[in-house]
Amino acid sequence: MQLVYSDEGRTMGNPDPVRRRHVPFSASFLEGSEYRLLLEGRPRSAGIRCGRVVLQPGEAAGIHDSGCHEEVLVILEGKGELWFQDFPSLPAEGGRLLYVPSHTLHDVRNTGTIPLRYLYVVAPVAEGQASLSGDGSQTS
């Protein structure tokens, strides 16, 4: 993975220790393997992670639960579905953004005839933050 640090060794203003630990950077996601981690979380960030996935026709990412993390999928190309155990499936097509709540069993499946390419972003839910139930109402 090619990471490019944008601070070029310069101090970036405020001497806040958080800013010193987490500096801006960019990563290329256009080439590489079918599953590519782009941002690993700590120590590069406070907890957010992201990566790129390419699923061939008929393939699936695998049923999983992101635990105490929310997840966003940005579909770049292809056609598929985002399957949930407790919710209706959502179409996953190029140009769509999909949201997965924390503690939700889900899977991404390529239902099309070309590779399904997408980026995922996973971020921890703040401690004590309320969750939403299946009908959208708040739970504690």
Protein backbone atom coordinates (compact mmCIF):
# COMPACT_ATOMS: atom_id res chain seq x y z
CA MET A 1 0.00 0.00 0.00
CA GLN A 2 1.32 3.41 -0.90
CA LEU A 3 0.73 6.08 1.75
CA VAL A 4 1.59 9.71 1.11
CA TYR A 5 1.90 11.95 4.15
CA SER A 6 0.71 15.45 3.48
CA ASP A 7 2.41 17.23 6.38
CA GLU A 8 5.90 16.70 4.86
CA GLY A 9 7.41 16.87 8.36
CA ARG A 10 6.13 20.36 9.10
CA THR A 11 4.34 21.35 12.29
CA MET A 12 0.68 21.87 11.49
CA GLY A 13 -0.22 24.81 13.77
CA ASN A 14 -1.89 23.88 17.06
CA PRO A 15 0.48 21.77 19.20
CA ASP A 16 -2.44 19.57 20.31
CA PRO A 17 -1.04 16.04 20.92
CA VAL A 18 -3.94 14.51 18.96
CA ARG A 19 -2.92 16.46 15.87
CA ARG A 20 0.66 15.28 16.28
CA ARG A 21 -0.41 11.65 16.39
CA HIS A 22 -2.84 11.77 13.46
CA VAL A 23 -1.58 13.53 10.35
CA PRO A 24 -3.44 13.82 7.04
CA PHE A 25 -2.45 11.34 4.35
CA SER A 26 -3.76 9.82 1.14
CA ALA A 27 -3.81 6.24 -0.12
CA SER A 28 -4.39 4.90 -3.62
CA PHE A 29 -7.26 2.42 -3.90
CA LEU A 30 -7.32 1.90 -7.67
CA GLU A 31 -5.02 -1.13 -7.86
CA GLY A 32 -4.14 -4.09 -5.72
CA SER A 33 -5.70 -7.25 -4.38
CA GLU A 34 -9.40 -8.08 -4.11
CA TYR A 35 -9.45 -7.01 -0.45
CA ARG A 36 -7.26 -4.07 0.43
CA LEU A 37 -7.03 -2.32 3.78
CA LEU A 38 -6.43 1.40 3.20
CA LEU A 39 -6.66 2.82 6.72
CA GLU A 40 -6.02 0.48 9.64
CA GLY A 41 -7.27 2.59 12.53
CA ARG A 42 -4.86 3.12 15.41
CA PRO A 43 -2.21 4.47 15.30
CA ARG A 44 -2.95 6.16 11.94
CA SER A 45 -6.40 7.35 13.09
CA ALA A 46 -8.41 7.53 16.30
CA GLY A 47 -10.40 4.45 15.26
CA ILE A 48 -11.81 4.81 11.75
CA ARG A 49 -10.83 2.11 9.23
CA CYS A 50 -11.46 1.78 5.52
CA GLY A 51 -10.62 -0.43 2.60
CA ARG A 52 -11.52 -1.53 -0.89
CA VAL A 53 -13.21 -4.79 -1.87
CA VAL A 54 -13.68 -6.40 -5.28
CA LEU A 55 -16.17 -9.29 -5.48
CA GLN A 56 -16.40 -11.37 -8.64
CA PRO A 57 -19.86 -12.36 -9.98
CA GLY A 58 -21.48 -14.78 -7.53
CA GLU A 59 -19.01 -14.02 -4.71
CA ALA A 60 -19.90 -12.70 -1.27
CA ALA A 61 -17.86 -10.87 1.36
CA GLY A 62 -19.01 -13.31 4.03
CA ILE A 63 -21.59 -12.91 6.77
CA HIS A 64 -20.18 -10.76 9.56
CA ASP A 65 -21.07 -8.34 12.33
CA SER A 66 -19.05 -5.15 12.73
CA GLY A 67 -19.64 -5.19 16.49
CA CYS A 68 -19.60 -1.75 18.07
CA HIS A 69 -18.72 -0.11 14.73
CA GLU A 70 -20.93 1.60 12.16
CA GLU A 71 -20.11 0.91 8.52
CA VAL A 72 -20.64 2.80 5.28
CA LEU A 73 -20.24 1.17 1.85
CA VAL A 74 -19.61 3.32 -1.22
CA ILE A 75 -20.42 1.24 -4.30
CA LEU A 76 -18.12 2.22 -7.16
CA GLU A 77 -19.12 -0.28 -9.85
CA GLY A 78 -21.21 -3.38 -10.37
CA LYS A 79 -24.47 -4.71 -9.01
CA GLY A 80 -25.19 -6.63 -5.85
CA GLU A 81 -27.07 -6.59 -2.59
CA LEU A 82 -26.39 -5.77 1.03
CA TRP A 83 -28.05 -8.60 2.98
CA PHE A 84 -29.11 -8.22 6.63
CA GLN A 85 -30.30 -10.85 9.06
CA ASP A 86 -32.89 -8.57 10.68
CA PHE A 87 -33.65 -6.05 7.92
CA PRO A 88 -34.68 -6.19 4.24
CA SER A 89 -31.76 -6.38 1.78
CA LEU A 90 -30.66 -3.19 0.04
CA PRO A 91 -29.56 -2.89 -3.61
CA ALA A 92 -25.81 -2.30 -3.95
CA GLU A 93 -25.18 -0.62 -7.30
CA GLY A 94 -22.57 1.77 -8.64
CA GLY A 95 -23.13 5.28 -7.30
CA ARG A 96 -24.90 4.21 -4.09
CA LEU A 97 -23.90 4.77 -0.47
CA LEU A 98 -25.15 2.15 2.03
CA TYR A 99 -25.19 2.34 5.83
CA VAL A 100 -24.85 -0.60 8.26
CA PRO A 101 -25.68 0.09 11.94
CA SER A 102 -23.48 -1.33 14.69
CA HIS A 103 -24.22 -4.86 15.96
CA THR A 104 -25.90 -5.83 12.67
CA LEU A 105 -25.24 -9.17 10.95
CA HIS A 106 -24.77 -8.50 7.23
CA ASP A 107 -23.14 -9.62 3.97
CA VAL A 108 -22.37 -8.05 0.60
CA ARG A 109 -23.12 -10.25 -2.42
CA ASN A 110 -22.33 -9.69 -6.10
CA THR A 111 -25.51 -10.50 -8.02
CA GLY A 112 -24.31 -8.99 -11.30
CA THR A 113 -22.20 -10.08 -14.25
CA ILE A 114 -19.18 -7.81 -13.67
CA PRO A 115 -16.98 -7.32 -10.59
CA LEU A 116 -18.64 -5.44 -7.71
CA ARG A 117 -16.18 -2.80 -6.46
CA TYR A 118 -16.75 -0.84 -3.29
CA LEU A 119 -15.07 1.07 -0.50
CA TYR A 120 -16.01 0.50 3.12
CA VAL A 121 -15.55 2.87 6.04
CA VAL A 122 -15.90 1.52 9.59
CA ALA A 123 -15.99 3.81 12.63
CA PRO A 124 -16.48 3.06 16.32
CA VAL A 125 -19.73 4.16 17.92
CA ALA A 126 -19.13 6.63 20.74
CA GLU A 127 -19.44 5.08 24.19
CA GLY A 128 -22.91 5.66 25.62
CA GLN A 129 -24.34 6.61 22.22
CA ALA A 130 -27.90 5.38 21.73
CA SER A 131 -28.70 2.77 19.10
CA LEU A 132 -31.68 2.67 16.79
CA SER A 133 -34.10 -0.22 16.72
CA GLY A 134 -35.34 -1.76 13.47
CA ASP A 135 -38.20 0.74 13.24
CA GLY A 136 -35.85 3.72 13.65
CA SER A 137 -36.84 4.52 17.23
CA GLN A 138 -34.11 5.19 19.76
CA THR A 139 -33.09 2.57 22.33
CA SER A 140 -30.70 2.95 25.25
